[in-house]
Amino acid sequence: MISTRRIVAVAALAVGVTGLAAPLASAAEAPAAGKLDPLSVLDSLAEAQVPAEHRGELPSVTGQLNQLNNMKRLQQLNELQQITGLVAPVTGLVPAVQT
């Protein structure tokens, strides 16, 4: 069983970390719209690590995520076509192939 002292210590630590993190979070610069876009921040951090002469050669993090998302959608479409291909002749949606 967890002692009361440990629970109080964990709660005090959580409050302390929150108290330290809140001023730091409010000090971060936000775009003009007031919303912080995590993907643009990630793009800028990744771009800062690449030498200037090679920055145009590599895709951005956002571009890579979009590519991955498109690949997943194509895979889902392919799976859907496999399922509808099996069910279509049974349901009469597509005429069955006659030999």
C-alpha atoms as a PDB file:
ATOM      1  CA  MET A   1       0.000   0.000   0.000  1.00  0.00           C
ATOM      2  CA  ILE A   2       1.262   3.487  -0.839  1.00  0.00           C
ATOM      3  CA  SER A   3       1.892   5.627   2.207  1.00  0.00           C
ATOM      4  CA  THR A   4       0.283   9.020   2.641  1.00  0.00           C
ATOM      5  CA  ARG A   5       3.689  10.693   2.712  1.00  0.00           C
ATOM      6  CA  ARG A   6       4.543   9.367  -0.740  1.00  0.00           C
ATOM      7  CA  ILE A   7       1.240  10.543  -2.189  1.00  0.00           C
ATOM      8  CA  VAL A   8       1.749  14.014  -0.715  1.00  0.00           C
ATOM      9  CA  ALA A   9       5.341  14.110  -2.007  1.00  0.00           C
ATOM     10  CA  VAL A  10       4.266  13.177  -5.540  1.00  0.00           C
ATOM     11  CA  ALA A  11       1.464  15.749  -5.482  1.00  0.00           C
ATOM     12  CA  ALA A  12       3.848  18.461  -4.220  1.00  0.00           C
ATOM     13  CA  LEU A  13       6.354  17.579  -6.921  1.00  0.00           C
ATOM     14  CA  ALA A  14       3.650  17.794  -9.607  1.00  0.00           C
ATOM     15  CA  VAL A  15       2.520  21.188  -8.339  1.00  0.00           C
ATOM     16  CA  GLY A  16       6.116  22.416  -8.240  1.00  0.00           C
ATOM     17  CA  VAL A  17       6.840  21.297 -11.797  1.00  0.00           C
ATOM     18  CA  THR A  18       3.622  22.906 -12.996  1.00  0.00           C
ATOM     19  CA  GLY A  19       4.527  26.121 -11.184  1.00  0.00           C
ATOM     20  CA  LEU A  20       7.917  26.193 -12.910  1.00  0.00           C
ATOM     21  CA  ALA A  21       6.620  25.257 -16.348  1.00  0.00           C
ATOM     22  CA  ALA A  22       3.723  27.721 -16.522  1.00  0.00           C
ATOM     23  CA  PRO A  23       5.840  30.924 -16.669  1.00  0.00           C
ATOM     24  CA  LEU A  24       8.139  29.334 -19.238  1.00  0.00           C
ATOM     25  CA  ALA A  25       5.207  28.351 -21.442  1.00  0.00           C
ATOM     26  CA  SER A  26       3.706  31.817 -21.319  1.00  0.00           C
ATOM     27  CA  ALA A  27       7.084  33.344 -22.223  1.00  0.00           C
ATOM     28  CA  ALA A  28       7.266  31.418 -25.515  1.00  0.00           C
ATOM     29  CA  GLU A  29       6.731  33.499 -28.613  1.00  0.00           C
ATOM     30  CA  ALA A  30       3.461  32.803 -30.345  1.00  0.00           C
ATOM     31  CA  PRO A  31       2.521  33.619 -33.938  1.00  0.00           C
ATOM     32  CA  ALA A  32       0.369  36.661 -34.692  1.00  0.00           C
ATOM     33  CA  ALA A  33      -2.816  34.575 -34.646  1.00  0.00           C
ATOM     34  CA  GLY A  34      -2.083  33.532 -31.074  1.00  0.00           C
ATOM     35  CA  LYS A  35      -1.955  29.821 -31.841  1.00  0.00           C
ATOM     36  CA  LEU A  36       1.226  27.779 -31.734  1.00  0.00           C
ATOM     37  CA  ASP A  37       1.501  25.269 -34.576  1.00  0.00           C
ATOM     38  CA  PRO A  38       3.535  22.263 -33.396  1.00  0.00           C
ATOM     39  CA  LEU A  39       4.338  21.114 -36.928  1.00  0.00           C
ATOM     40  CA  SER A  40       5.823  24.448 -37.940  1.00  0.00           C
ATOM     41  CA  VAL A  41       7.925  24.459 -34.775  1.00  0.00           C
ATOM     42  CA  LEU A  42       9.078  20.923 -35.546  1.00  0.00           C
ATOM     43  CA  ASP A  43       9.898  21.942 -39.125  1.00  0.00           C
ATOM     44  CA  SER A  44      11.966  24.898 -37.944  1.00  0.00           C
ATOM     45  CA  LEU A  45      13.848  22.753 -35.407  1.00  0.00           C
ATOM     46  CA  ALA A  46      14.621  20.097 -37.997  1.00  0.00           C
ATOM     47  CA  GLU A  47      15.664  22.714 -40.559  1.00  0.00           C
ATOM     48  CA  ALA A  48      18.048  24.325 -38.084  1.00  0.00           C
ATOM     49  CA  GLN A  49      20.036  21.077 -37.895  1.00  0.00           C
ATOM     50  CA  VAL A  50      20.611  20.850 -41.664  1.00  0.00           C
ATOM     51  CA  PRO A  51      23.417  22.868 -43.296  1.00  0.00           C
ATOM     52  CA  ALA A  52      22.127  25.818 -45.322  1.00  0.00           C
ATOM     53  CA  GLU A  53      23.311  24.447 -48.663  1.00  0.00           C
ATOM     54  CA  HIS A  54      21.327  21.205 -48.218  1.00  0.00           C
ATOM     55  CA  ARG A  55      18.054  22.542 -46.775  1.00  0.00           C
ATOM     56  CA  GLY A  56      16.210  22.516 -50.093  1.00  0.00           C
ATOM     57  CA  GLU A  57      17.161  18.898 -50.798  1.00  0.00           C
ATOM     58  CA  LEU A  58      15.386  17.355 -47.822  1.00  0.00           C
ATOM     59  CA  PRO A  59      11.622  17.201 -47.376  1.00  0.00           C
ATOM     60  CA  SER A  60      10.153  18.922 -44.347  1.00  0.00           C
ATOM     61  CA  VAL A  61       8.722  16.994 -41.430  1.00  0.00           C
ATOM     62  CA  THR A  62       5.250  18.173 -42.425  1.00  0.00           C
ATOM     63  CA  GLY A  63       5.821  16.935 -45.982  1.00  0.00           C
ATOM     64  CA  GLN A  64       6.951  13.542 -44.744  1.00  0.00           C
ATOM     65  CA  LEU A  65       3.917  13.232 -42.465  1.00  0.00           C
ATOM     66  CA  ASN A  66       1.610  14.179 -45.348  1.00  0.00           C
ATOM     67  CA  GLN A  67       3.254  11.533 -47.535  1.00  0.00           C
ATOM     68  CA  LEU A  68       2.815   8.930 -44.809  1.00  0.00           C
ATOM     69  CA  ASN A  69      -0.826   9.945 -44.358  1.00  0.00           C
ATOM     70  CA  ASN A  70      -1.441   9.633 -48.118  1.00  0.00           C
ATOM     71  CA  MET A  71       0.184   6.191 -48.155  1.00  0.00           C
ATOM     72  CA  LYS A  72      -2.082   5.053 -45.312  1.00  0.00           C
ATOM     73  CA  ARG A  73      -5.140   6.337 -47.188  1.00  0.00           C
ATOM     74  CA  LEU A  74      -4.087   4.442 -50.318  1.00  0.00           C
ATOM     75  CA  GLN A  75      -3.624   1.306 -48.255  1.00  0.00           C
ATOM     76  CA  GLN A  76      -7.107   1.736 -46.749  1.00  0.00           C
ATOM     77  CA  LEU A  77      -8.555   2.254 -50.215  1.00  0.00           C
ATOM     78  CA  ASN A  78      -6.847  -0.902 -51.444  1.00  0.00           C
ATOM     79  CA  GLU A  79      -8.255  -2.861 -48.494  1.00  0.00           C
ATOM     80  CA  LEU A  80     -11.723  -1.463 -49.199  1.00  0.00           C
ATOM     81  CA  GLN A  81     -11.477  -2.468 -52.855  1.00  0.00           C
ATOM     82  CA  GLN A  82     -10.484  -5.990 -51.822  1.00  0.00           C
ATOM     83  CA  ILE A  83     -13.531  -6.264 -49.581  1.00  0.00           C
ATOM     84  CA  THR A  84     -15.953  -4.782 -52.101  1.00  0.00           C
ATOM     85  CA  GLY A  85     -14.469  -6.974 -54.799  1.00  0.00           C
ATOM     86  CA  LEU A  86     -15.402 -10.061 -52.799  1.00  0.00           C
ATOM     87  CA  VAL A  87     -18.868  -8.863 -51.811  1.00  0.00           C
ATOM     88  CA  ALA A  88     -19.977  -7.111 -55.019  1.00  0.00           C
ATOM     89  CA  PRO A  89     -21.015 -10.205 -57.021  1.00  0.00           C
ATOM     90  CA  VAL A  90     -22.972 -11.528 -54.038  1.00  0.00           C
ATOM     91  CA  THR A  91     -24.890  -8.293 -53.485  1.00  0.00           C
ATOM     92  CA  GLY A  92     -25.512  -7.714 -57.181  1.00  0.00           C
ATOM     93  CA  LEU A  93     -23.717  -4.370 -57.219  1.00  0.00           C
ATOM     94  CA  VAL A  94     -21.422  -5.572 -59.986  1.00  0.00           C
ATOM     95  CA  PRO A  95     -22.561  -8.191 -62.452  1.00  0.00           C
ATOM     96  CA  ALA A  96     -20.769 -11.466 -61.974  1.00  0.00           C
ATOM     97  CA  VAL A  97     -18.243 -12.466 -64.609  1.00  0.00           C
ATOM     98  CA  GLN A  98     -19.665 -15.188 -66.806  1.00  0.00           C
ATOM     99  CA  THR A  99     -17.451 -17.575 -68.711  1.00  0.00           C
END
